Amino acid sequence: MTTTAPGALTGGPALPQRRELRTAVPGPRSLELQERRAAAVARGVSSTMPVYAAAAGGGVLVDVDGNSFIDLGSGIAVTTVGNSHPQVVADAGAALARFTHTCFMITPYEGYVQLAEELAAVTPGDHDKRTALFNSGAEAVENAVKIARYATGRSAVAVVDHAYHGRTNLTMALTAKNMPYKDGFGPFAPEVYRAPTSYPFRDGLDGPAAAARTIEVLERSAGANRLAALLIEPIQGEGGFVVPAPGFLAALAAWCREHGIVFIADEVQTGIARTGAWFACDHEEVVPDLVTMAKGMGGGLPIAAVTGRAELVDAVHPGGLGGTYGGNPVACAAALAALGAVRDDGLIGRAREIADHALPRLRQLGDPRIGDVRGRGAMIGVEFVRPGTDEPDAELAKAVAGACHRAGVIVLTCGTWGNVVRLLPPLAIPQDLLVEGLDVLEEALRSA
């Protein structure tokens, strides 16, 4: 079935919403660009697929050879509202025509203020909030830690196993996985303490029991009175799309309140409707002290934020937060349009619809190589293991993803052991394309 992206819900250019391969993958034009890339681009910057994008919108990405792929990756959860959503394009274009940059720290502008107001409205909790804008998720995480340290006068920071928080020096220290993120890049920032997390498939613990284990390790290794912050992803991203057991986050948040520890929710990948709520913390009715966000917030443009309790954020002296490009006016306009699209296009409900279709279907496959299917909304992970064990099977995950790519479907892998195939479709994806993408994934698993 072929549909055409009309704008609004599907977003982007009026691209035919179909999977179509006109050449082998990669095609001749992509191969030519690959040669040019090898001579010009740093080897350390890798790509999942060897095809080069020419256009994208709705649920498809078209490469330079005219191949149309079903997009179940969203640029790693960035194009949540749809690639080149018409309102994002229109509002960002209008902002671009007015001025490209002044630096908010020199001559401020309304878009920054308006976006801060919007984020205060949608983030968890009805307390008084303040926001600072940045460029990337890693930068937001760094500044959340800065705020927590300044406000508490403490230096230690707690994180959990399987965490991913970024690629800067501090966020590499916060991240759990060595390769490819940390190997050879040390020494890293000190005063970071790591504890077990809730991983129901592997530990079998309920939420309160998993939280008690986390707390015991942190009290023993760091001391609650020395911790400035506990930083955690409400659903782990690069670590394997791990959804914690119910009650885990709430127990940790309560412990943080008891000991004056700032509870920071890293919602960079989970935020802005991705999980079927504005933020993943909403599913557990957990109210963080600080929330970091980026990715889907900008509708495809680079922007990030820290939003949190006014008394914490405003504890930092004037000039202590900021950055030349933080809250760029064009990116602010795009973010405001993206937030509007979430509301106007009913994308929170659409994320739930995606989960309601995909999760039962994947769980019913009954393949012994599938250890776990998990996720919320349009953030779904399939963990592969060797049959009859919980031993991770990264080779199978890689083979399944590769088969999907060759068949015209973009999927990603993740996980501490690289054994999870993750699905992050744009919420604008037409239902028939979602179904077809899952058909291809199922066939890729059968043939792997």
Protein backbone atom coordinates (compact mmCIF):
# COMPACT_ATOMS: atom_id res chain seq x y z
CA MET A 1 0.00 0.00 0.00
CA THR A 2 1.25 3.49 -0.86
CA THR A 3 0.16 6.65 0.89
CA THR A 4 1.45 10.18 0.53
CA ALA A 5 2.54 12.35 3.42
CA PRO A 6 0.11 15.29 3.35
CA GLY A 7 1.78 17.31 6.10
CA ALA A 8 0.33 17.83 9.60
CA LEU A 9 0.43 14.38 11.22
CA THR A 10 2.88 12.79 8.79
CA GLY A 11 5.09 15.86 8.43
CA GLY A 12 7.86 16.57 5.99
CA PRO A 13 7.83 16.83 2.23
CA ALA A 14 4.97 15.19 0.32
CA LEU A 15 6.89 11.95 -0.05
CA PRO A 16 5.17 8.74 -1.08
CA GLN A 17 4.85 6.73 2.11
CA ARG A 18 6.18 3.44 0.83
CA ARG A 19 9.19 1.15 1.05
CA GLU A 20 10.89 0.95 -2.34
CA LEU A 21 14.37 -0.26 -3.28
CA ARG A 22 15.55 0.86 -6.71
CA THR A 23 19.16 -0.27 -6.26
CA ALA A 24 21.18 -2.56 -4.07
CA VAL A 25 21.85 -1.15 -0.61
CA PRO A 26 24.05 0.84 -0.74
CA GLY A 27 23.48 2.20 -4.24
CA PRO A 28 26.08 3.70 -6.59
CA ARG A 29 25.65 7.31 -5.45
CA SER A 30 25.95 6.32 -1.79
CA LEU A 31 29.08 4.30 -2.62
CA GLU A 32 30.57 7.37 -4.30
CA LEU A 33 29.82 9.49 -1.24
CA GLN A 34 31.30 6.79 0.95
CA GLU A 35 34.60 7.11 -0.90
CA ARG A 36 34.58 10.90 -0.48
CA ARG A 37 33.72 10.51 3.19
CA ALA A 38 36.66 8.16 3.80
CA ALA A 39 39.02 10.86 2.53
CA ALA A 40 37.46 13.74 4.46
CA VAL A 41 35.54 12.65 7.59
CA ALA A 42 37.09 11.44 10.85
CA ARG A 43 37.13 7.64 11.09
CA GLY A 44 35.83 7.82 14.67
CA VAL A 45 32.49 9.18 13.41
CA SER A 46 30.67 6.00 12.40
CA SER A 47 27.27 5.41 10.79
CA THR A 48 24.73 2.63 11.23
CA MET A 49 23.86 2.42 7.53
CA PRO A 50 25.97 3.02 4.40
CA VAL A 51 23.29 5.09 2.64
CA TYR A 52 23.15 8.88 2.32
CA ALA A 53 19.91 10.75 2.95
CA ALA A 54 18.32 13.02 0.36
CA ALA A 55 14.84 13.59 1.85
CA ALA A 56 12.67 12.40 4.72
CA GLY A 57 9.14 12.85 5.98
CA GLY A 58 6.31 10.95 7.59
CA GLY A 59 7.60 7.43 8.09
CA VAL A 60 10.16 7.27 5.27
CA LEU A 61 13.70 8.32 4.47
CA VAL A 62 14.79 8.52 0.80
CA ASP A 63 18.47 8.13 -0.06
CA VAL A 64 20.51 9.69 -2.86
CA ASP A 65 19.87 6.64 -5.07
CA GLY A 66 16.10 6.99 -4.76
CA ASN A 67 15.64 4.12 -2.32
CA SER A 68 12.82 4.74 0.16
CA PHE A 69 13.31 3.22 3.63
CA ILE A 70 10.77 2.77 6.39
CA ASP A 71 12.21 4.81 9.26
CA LEU A 72 12.06 3.05 12.62
CA GLY A 73 14.96 5.08 14.03
CA SER A 74 13.94 8.77 13.93
CA GLY A 75 17.58 9.85 13.90
CA ILE A 76 17.87 8.29 17.39
CA ALA A 77 14.55 9.61 18.72
CA VAL A 78 15.02 13.13 17.34
CA THR A 79 12.38 13.43 14.61
CA THR A 80 9.58 12.42 16.96
CA VAL A 81 7.01 14.77 15.37
CA GLY A 82 8.07 13.71 11.87
CA ASN A 83 11.04 14.79 9.80
CA SER A 84 10.62 18.36 8.52
CA HIS A 85 7.22 18.73 10.13
CA PRO A 86 5.48 21.58 8.23
CA GLN A 87 4.99 23.74 11.30
CA VAL A 88 8.59 23.24 12.40
CA VAL A 89 9.79 24.20 8.92
CA ALA A 90 7.52 27.24 8.75
CA ASP A 91 8.30 28.61 12.21
CA ALA A 92 12.03 27.90 12.04
CA GLY A 93 12.15 29.46 8.57
CA ALA A 94 10.41 32.59 9.79
CA ALA A 95 12.82 32.85 12.72
CA LEU A 96 15.75 32.33 10.36
CA ALA A 97 14.58 35.25 8.25
CA ARG A 98 14.35 37.55 11.27
CA PHE A 99 17.80 36.85 12.76
CA THR A 100 20.04 33.82 13.08
CA HIS A 101 21.80 34.68 16.33
CA THR A 102 22.36 37.40 18.89
CA CYS A 103 23.40 35.26 21.89
CA PHE A 104 20.77 35.25 24.61
CA MET A 105 23.46 36.29 27.10
CA ILE A 106 23.99 39.52 25.10
CA THR A 107 20.61 40.57 23.71
CA PRO A 108 17.83 38.16 24.73
CA TYR A 109 14.70 37.39 22.72
CA GLU A 110 11.16 36.21 23.35
CA GLY A 111 11.52 32.71 21.89
CA TYR A 112 13.86 31.61 24.67
CA VAL A 113 11.50 32.94 27.34
CA GLN A 114 8.45 31.38 25.67
CA LEU A 115 10.13 27.99 25.39
CA ALA A 116 11.11 28.11 29.07
CA GLU A 117 7.46 28.83 29.92
CA GLU A 118 6.29 25.90 27.80
CA LEU A 119 8.78 23.48 29.37
CA ALA A 120 7.69 24.54 32.85
CA ALA A 121 4.14 23.65 31.86
CA VAL A 122 4.82 20.17 30.42
CA THR A 123 7.54 18.80 32.71
CA PRO A 124 6.41 16.76 35.75
CA GLY A 125 5.15 18.62 38.81
CA ASP A 126 3.31 21.89 39.40
CA HIS A 127 6.04 23.57 41.47
CA ASP A 128 7.82 26.80 40.51
CA LYS A 129 10.38 26.01 37.80
CA ARG A 130 13.22 27.60 35.90
CA THR A 131 14.88 26.55 32.63
CA ALA A 132 18.28 26.98 31.00
CA LEU A 133 18.77 26.09 27.33
CA PHE A 134 21.77 24.38 25.77
CA ASN A 135 22.78 22.59 22.56
CA SER A 136 22.90 18.86 23.24
CA GLY A 137 21.80 16.22 25.70
CA ALA A 138 25.32 15.82 27.07
CA GLU A 139 25.55 19.56 27.67
CA ALA A 140 22.22 19.52 29.48
CA VAL A 141 23.39 16.65 31.71
CA GLU A 142 26.65 18.44 32.54
CA ASN A 143 24.75 21.57 33.53
CA ALA A 144 22.24 19.64 35.62
CA VAL A 145 25.17 18.20 37.58
CA LYS A 146 26.67 21.69 37.90
CA ILE A 147 23.39 23.00 39.30
CA ALA A 148 23.06 20.11 41.76
CA ARG A 149 26.62 20.52 43.00
CA TYR A 150 26.28 24.28 43.41
CA ALA A 151 22.89 24.12 45.12
CA THR A 152 23.85 21.38 47.59
CA GLY A 153 27.51 22.21 48.18
CA ARG A 154 28.30 18.53 47.62
CA SER A 155 30.48 16.98 44.94
CA ALA A 156 29.58 13.29 44.56
CA VAL A 157 27.23 12.13 41.82
CA ALA A 158 25.48 8.74 41.62
CA VAL A 159 24.57 6.86 38.44
CA VAL A 160 23.52 3.29 37.69
CA ASP A 161 24.64 0.32 35.63
CA HIS A 162 23.90 0.34 31.88
CA ALA A 163 23.57 4.15 31.93
CA TYR A 164 24.34 6.37 28.97
CA HIS A 165 24.58 10.13 29.48
CA GLY A 166 26.84 11.47 26.70
CA ARG A 167 30.30 11.78 25.18
CA THR A 168 31.88 14.75 26.96
CA ASN A 169 34.43 14.09 29.69
CA LEU A 170 31.98 14.28 32.59
CA THR A 171 29.21 12.44 30.76
CA MET A 172 31.63 9.70 29.71
CA ALA A 173 32.39 9.25 33.40
CA LEU A 174 28.66 9.01 34.05
CA THR A 175 28.16 6.51 31.21
CA ALA A 176 28.60 2.83 32.04
CA LYS A 177 29.63 1.27 28.72
CA ASN A 178 33.30 1.35 27.76
CA MET A 179 33.24 0.61 24.01
CA PRO A 180 32.79 2.65 21.95
CA TYR A 181 32.10 5.58 24.25
CA LYS A 182 34.96 5.64 26.76
CA ASP A 183 37.79 3.41 25.62
CA GLY A 184 41.08 5.33 25.44
CA PHE A 185 39.59 8.72 26.32
CA GLY A 186 40.39 8.90 30.06
CA PRO A 187 41.12 10.03 32.67
CA PHE A 188 37.55 10.93 33.47
CA ALA A 189 35.94 13.32 35.92
CA PRO A 190 36.10 12.06 39.53
CA GLU A 191 33.48 11.65 42.26
CA VAL A 192 31.13 9.48 40.20
CA TYR A 193 29.64 6.46 42.00
CA ARG A 194 27.81 3.62 40.25
CA ALA A 195 25.22 1.21 41.62
CA PRO A 196 23.01 -1.58 40.24
CA THR A 197 19.77 -0.61 38.54
CA SER A 198 16.45 -2.34 37.95
CA TYR A 199 16.68 -4.74 35.00
CA PRO A 200 13.63 -7.02 35.41
CA PHE A 201 14.60 -9.49 32.68
CA ARG A 202 18.00 -10.11 34.28
CA ASP A 203 17.59 -9.55 38.03
CA GLY A 204 13.98 -10.65 38.62
CA LEU A 205 13.57 -8.10 41.42
CA ASP A 206 10.49 -6.00 42.02
CA GLY A 207 10.89 -2.22 42.11
CA PRO A 208 11.28 -1.68 45.86
CA ALA A 209 13.77 -4.56 46.19
CA ALA A 210 15.85 -3.27 43.27
CA ALA A 211 15.80 0.23 44.76
CA ALA A 212 16.90 -1.08 48.17
CA ARG A 213 19.87 -2.75 46.48
CA THR A 214 20.79 0.48 44.68
CA ILE A 215 20.51 2.53 47.85
CA GLU A 216 22.57 0.07 49.90
CA VAL A 217 25.43 0.24 47.41
CA LEU A 218 25.37 4.04 47.24
CA GLU A 219 25.19 4.53 51.00
CA ARG A 220 28.13 2.17 51.41
CA SER A 221 30.30 3.45 48.55
CA ALA A 222 29.55 7.17 48.55
CA GLY A 223 27.48 8.10 51.60
CA ALA A 224 24.10 9.78 51.22
CA ASN A 225 25.35 12.96 52.90
CA ARG A 226 28.05 13.37 50.22
CA LEU A 227 25.82 12.94 47.17
CA ALA A 228 24.82 16.04 45.28
CA ALA A 229 22.66 14.14 42.80
CA LEU A 230 21.33 10.83 41.59
CA LEU A 231 21.14 10.88 37.80
CA ILE A 232 19.02 8.25 36.09
CA GLU A 233 17.22 7.54 32.82
CA PRO A 234 13.60 6.60 33.59
CA ILE A 235 13.91 4.13 30.71
CA GLN A 236 17.48 3.38 29.75
CA GLY A 237 18.38 4.21 26.17
CA GLU A 238 21.74 3.05 24.87
CA GLY A 239 21.89 0.59 27.78
CA GLY A 240 19.17 -1.54 26.19
CA PHE A 241 15.76 0.16 26.48
CA VAL A 242 15.50 -1.21 30.00
CA VAL A 243 12.18 -0.36 31.68
CA PRO A 244 12.61 -0.49 35.47
CA ALA A 245 10.23 -2.48 37.62
CA PRO A 246 7.25 -0.47 38.97
CA GLY A 247 8.12 1.39 42.13
CA PHE A 248 11.86 1.53 41.49
CA LEU A 249 12.00 5.19 40.46
CA ALA A 250 9.56 6.27 43.17
CA ALA A 251 11.62 4.60 45.89
CA LEU A 252 14.81 6.25 44.68
CA ALA A 253 13.11 9.65 44.47
CA ALA A 254 11.84 9.27 48.05
CA TRP A 255 15.33 8.35 49.29
CA CYS A 256 16.76 11.40 47.53
CA ARG A 257 14.20 13.70 49.17
CA GLU A 258 14.98 12.23 52.57
CA HIS A 259 18.70 12.95 52.23
CA GLY A 260 18.70 16.23 50.29
CA ILE A 261 19.99 14.58 47.10
CA VAL A 262 18.91 16.16 43.81
CA PHE A 263 16.97 13.63 41.73
CA ILE A 264 17.83 14.25 38.06
CA ALA A 265 15.80 12.49 35.36
CA ASP A 266 17.74 12.19 32.11
CA GLU A 267 14.83 12.34 29.66
CA VAL A 268 16.97 13.16 26.62
CA GLN A 269 15.78 10.06 24.75
CA THR A 270 12.52 9.36 26.58
CA GLY A 271 11.06 12.87 26.71
CA ILE A 272 8.62 14.81 24.52
CA ALA A 273 5.90 12.19 23.96
CA ARG A 274 8.23 9.35 22.96
CA THR A 275 6.92 6.91 25.60
CA GLY A 276 3.22 7.82 25.38
CA ALA A 277 3.45 10.59 27.98
CA TRP A 278 5.16 13.95 27.90
CA PHE A 279 7.95 12.39 29.97
CA ALA A 280 8.68 8.82 31.01
CA CYS A 281 8.60 9.82 34.69
CA ASP A 282 4.90 10.59 34.24
CA HIS A 283 4.13 6.88 33.92
CA GLU A 284 5.24 6.38 37.54
CA GLU A 285 4.00 9.76 38.81
CA VAL A 286 7.56 10.59 39.79
CA VAL A 287 8.45 14.29 39.98
CA PRO A 288 12.19 14.89 39.48
CA ASP A 289 14.01 17.89 40.90
CA LEU A 290 15.69 18.48 37.52
CA VAL A 291 14.83 17.15 34.06
CA THR A 292 17.28 17.09 31.16
CA MET A 293 15.92 16.96 27.62
CA ALA A 294 17.05 17.29 24.00
CA LYS A 295 16.50 15.02 20.93
CA GLY A 296 12.75 15.12 20.16
CA MET A 297 12.41 18.53 21.78
CA GLY A 298 13.82 20.40 18.77
CA GLY A 299 11.95 18.83 15.89
CA GLY A 300 15.29 17.98 14.30
CA LEU A 301 17.26 21.09 15.27
CA PRO A 302 19.92 20.99 18.01
CA ILE A 303 18.60 22.28 21.31
CA ALA A 304 18.54 20.99 24.88
CA ALA A 305 17.29 22.09 28.26
CA VAL A 306 17.48 21.69 32.01
CA THR A 307 14.17 22.43 33.71
CA GLY A 308 13.72 22.12 37.44
CA ARG A 309 12.89 23.48 40.83
CA ALA A 310 13.37 27.23 40.92
CA GLU A 311 15.28 27.18 44.20
CA LEU A 312 17.85 24.79 42.74
CA VAL A 313 18.32 26.33 39.31
CA ASP A 314 18.32 29.90 40.65
CA ALA A 315 20.92 29.03 43.28
CA VAL A 316 23.60 29.42 40.61
CA HIS A 317 25.08 32.93 40.35
CA PRO A 318 24.45 35.05 37.21
CA GLY A 319 26.87 34.02 34.48
CA GLY A 320 27.31 30.54 35.91
CA LEU A 321 25.07 28.96 33.27
CA GLY A 322 24.92 29.59 29.56
CA GLY A 323 26.83 29.23 26.32
CA THR A 324 27.20 31.09 23.05
CA TYR A 325 24.65 29.07 21.08
CA GLY A 326 22.43 27.86 23.93
CA GLY A 327 18.79 28.51 23.04
CA ASN A 328 19.55 29.64 19.49
CA PRO A 329 16.52 31.60 18.22
CA VAL A 330 15.90 29.35 15.20
CA ALA A 331 16.12 26.21 17.36
CA CYS A 332 13.77 27.80 19.93
CA ALA A 333 11.20 28.42 17.18
CA ALA A 334 11.55 24.81 16.02
CA ALA A 335 11.14 23.51 19.58
CA LEU A 336 8.02 25.59 20.17
CA ALA A 337 6.57 24.24 16.93
CA ALA A 338 7.47 20.68 17.90
CA LEU A 339 5.73 21.03 21.27
CA GLY A 340 2.72 22.44 19.47
CA ALA A 341 2.73 19.51 17.04
CA VAL A 342 2.70 17.03 19.93
CA ARG A 343 -0.52 18.64 21.14
CA ASP A 344 -2.19 19.45 17.82
CA ASP A 345 -1.39 16.11 16.12
CA GLY A 346 -2.33 13.96 19.13
CA LEU A 347 1.12 12.40 19.26
CA ILE A 348 1.01 11.25 22.87
CA GLY A 349 -1.96 9.09 21.98
CA ARG A 350 -0.25 7.99 18.78
CA ALA A 351 2.78 6.78 20.76
CA ARG A 352 0.46 4.62 22.84
CA GLU A 353 -1.18 3.25 19.70
CA ILE A 354 2.23 2.22 18.36
CA ALA A 355 2.95 0.34 21.59
CA ASP A 356 -0.49 -1.26 21.60
CA HIS A 357 0.21 -2.74 18.17
CA ALA A 358 3.94 -3.47 18.28
CA LEU A 359 4.46 -4.88 21.76
CA PRO A 360 1.84 -7.67 21.62
CA ARG A 361 2.88 -8.62 18.09
CA LEU A 362 6.56 -8.91 18.99
CA ARG A 363 5.79 -10.80 22.20
CA GLN A 364 3.67 -13.31 20.30
CA LEU A 365 6.51 -14.34 17.99
CA GLY A 366 7.49 -17.06 20.45
CA ASP A 367 11.06 -17.24 19.15
CA PRO A 368 13.35 -18.80 21.80
CA ARG A 369 16.09 -16.40 20.73
CA ILE A 370 14.01 -13.48 22.02
CA GLY A 371 14.71 -13.10 25.72
CA ASP A 372 12.57 -10.03 26.31
CA VAL A 373 10.37 -7.53 24.50
CA ARG A 374 9.91 -4.31 26.43
CA GLY A 375 9.26 -0.60 26.14
CA ARG A 376 6.71 2.14 26.40
CA GLY A 377 5.09 4.04 23.58
CA ALA A 378 7.27 4.28 20.50
CA MET A 379 10.39 3.21 22.41
CA ILE A 380 10.58 -0.57 22.06
CA GLY A 381 13.48 -2.99 22.52
CA VAL A 382 13.86 -6.65 21.55
CA GLU A 383 16.63 -8.38 23.51
CA PHE A 384 18.24 -11.40 21.84
CA VAL A 385 19.79 -14.29 23.76
CA ARG A 386 21.06 -17.76 23.05
CA PRO A 387 18.08 -20.14 23.33
CA GLY A 388 17.49 -21.55 26.78
CA THR A 389 19.80 -19.00 28.46
CA ASP A 390 20.03 -15.31 29.21
CA GLU A 391 23.41 -15.12 27.44
CA PRO A 392 23.38 -12.04 25.20
CA ASP A 393 23.48 -12.70 21.43
CA ALA A 394 24.94 -9.57 19.85
CA GLU A 395 25.68 -11.40 16.61
CA LEU A 396 22.01 -12.18 16.11
CA ALA A 397 20.96 -8.59 16.86
CA LYS A 398 23.49 -7.36 14.31
CA ALA A 399 22.32 -9.90 11.73
CA VAL A 400 18.65 -9.01 12.20
CA ALA A 401 19.37 -5.28 11.95
CA GLY A 402 21.51 -5.81 8.84
CA ALA A 403 18.79 -7.85 7.15
CA CYS A 404 16.27 -5.10 7.89
CA HIS A 405 18.59 -2.50 6.40
CA ARG A 406 19.07 -4.47 3.20
CA ALA A 407 15.31 -4.93 2.94
CA GLY A 408 14.62 -1.20 3.30
CA VAL A 409 13.84 -0.73 7.00
CA ILE A 410 15.94 1.40 9.36
CA VAL A 411 16.33 -0.14 12.82
CA LEU A 412 19.01 0.45 15.45
CA THR A 413 20.81 -1.72 17.96
CA CYS A 414 21.77 -0.91 21.54
CA GLY A 415 22.45 -2.52 24.91
CA THR A 416 25.45 -3.03 27.14
CA TRP A 417 26.17 -6.22 25.19
CA GLY A 418 24.91 -4.94 21.82
CA ASN A 419 22.14 -7.56 21.78
CA VAL A 420 19.05 -5.35 21.61
CA VAL A 421 17.28 -4.19 18.44
CA ARG A 422 15.48 -0.96 19.22
CA LEU A 423 12.53 0.63 17.46
CA LEU A 424 12.06 4.41 17.58
CA PRO A 425 9.59 5.23 14.82
CA PRO A 426 8.53 8.82 14.30
CA LEU A 427 5.12 9.27 15.86
CA ALA A 428 4.02 10.55 12.46
CA ILE A 429 4.49 7.14 10.83
CA PRO A 430 1.38 5.88 9.00
CA GLN A 431 -0.01 2.68 10.47
CA ASP A 432 0.45 0.65 7.28
CA LEU A 433 4.15 1.50 7.22
CA LEU A 434 4.56 0.53 10.87
CA VAL A 435 2.92 -2.83 10.15
CA GLU A 436 5.10 -3.36 7.09
CA GLY A 437 8.24 -2.47 9.03
CA LEU A 438 7.37 -5.07 11.66
CA ASP A 439 6.72 -7.59 8.86
CA VAL A 440 10.26 -7.01 7.61
CA LEU A 441 11.69 -7.32 11.12
CA GLU A 442 9.87 -10.60 11.63
CA GLU A 443 11.15 -11.96 8.32
CA ALA A 444 14.69 -10.79 9.15
CA LEU A 445 14.55 -12.75 12.40
CA ARG A 446 13.24 -15.85 10.64
CA SER A 447 16.05 -15.74 8.08
CA ALA A 448 18.86 -14.82 10.49
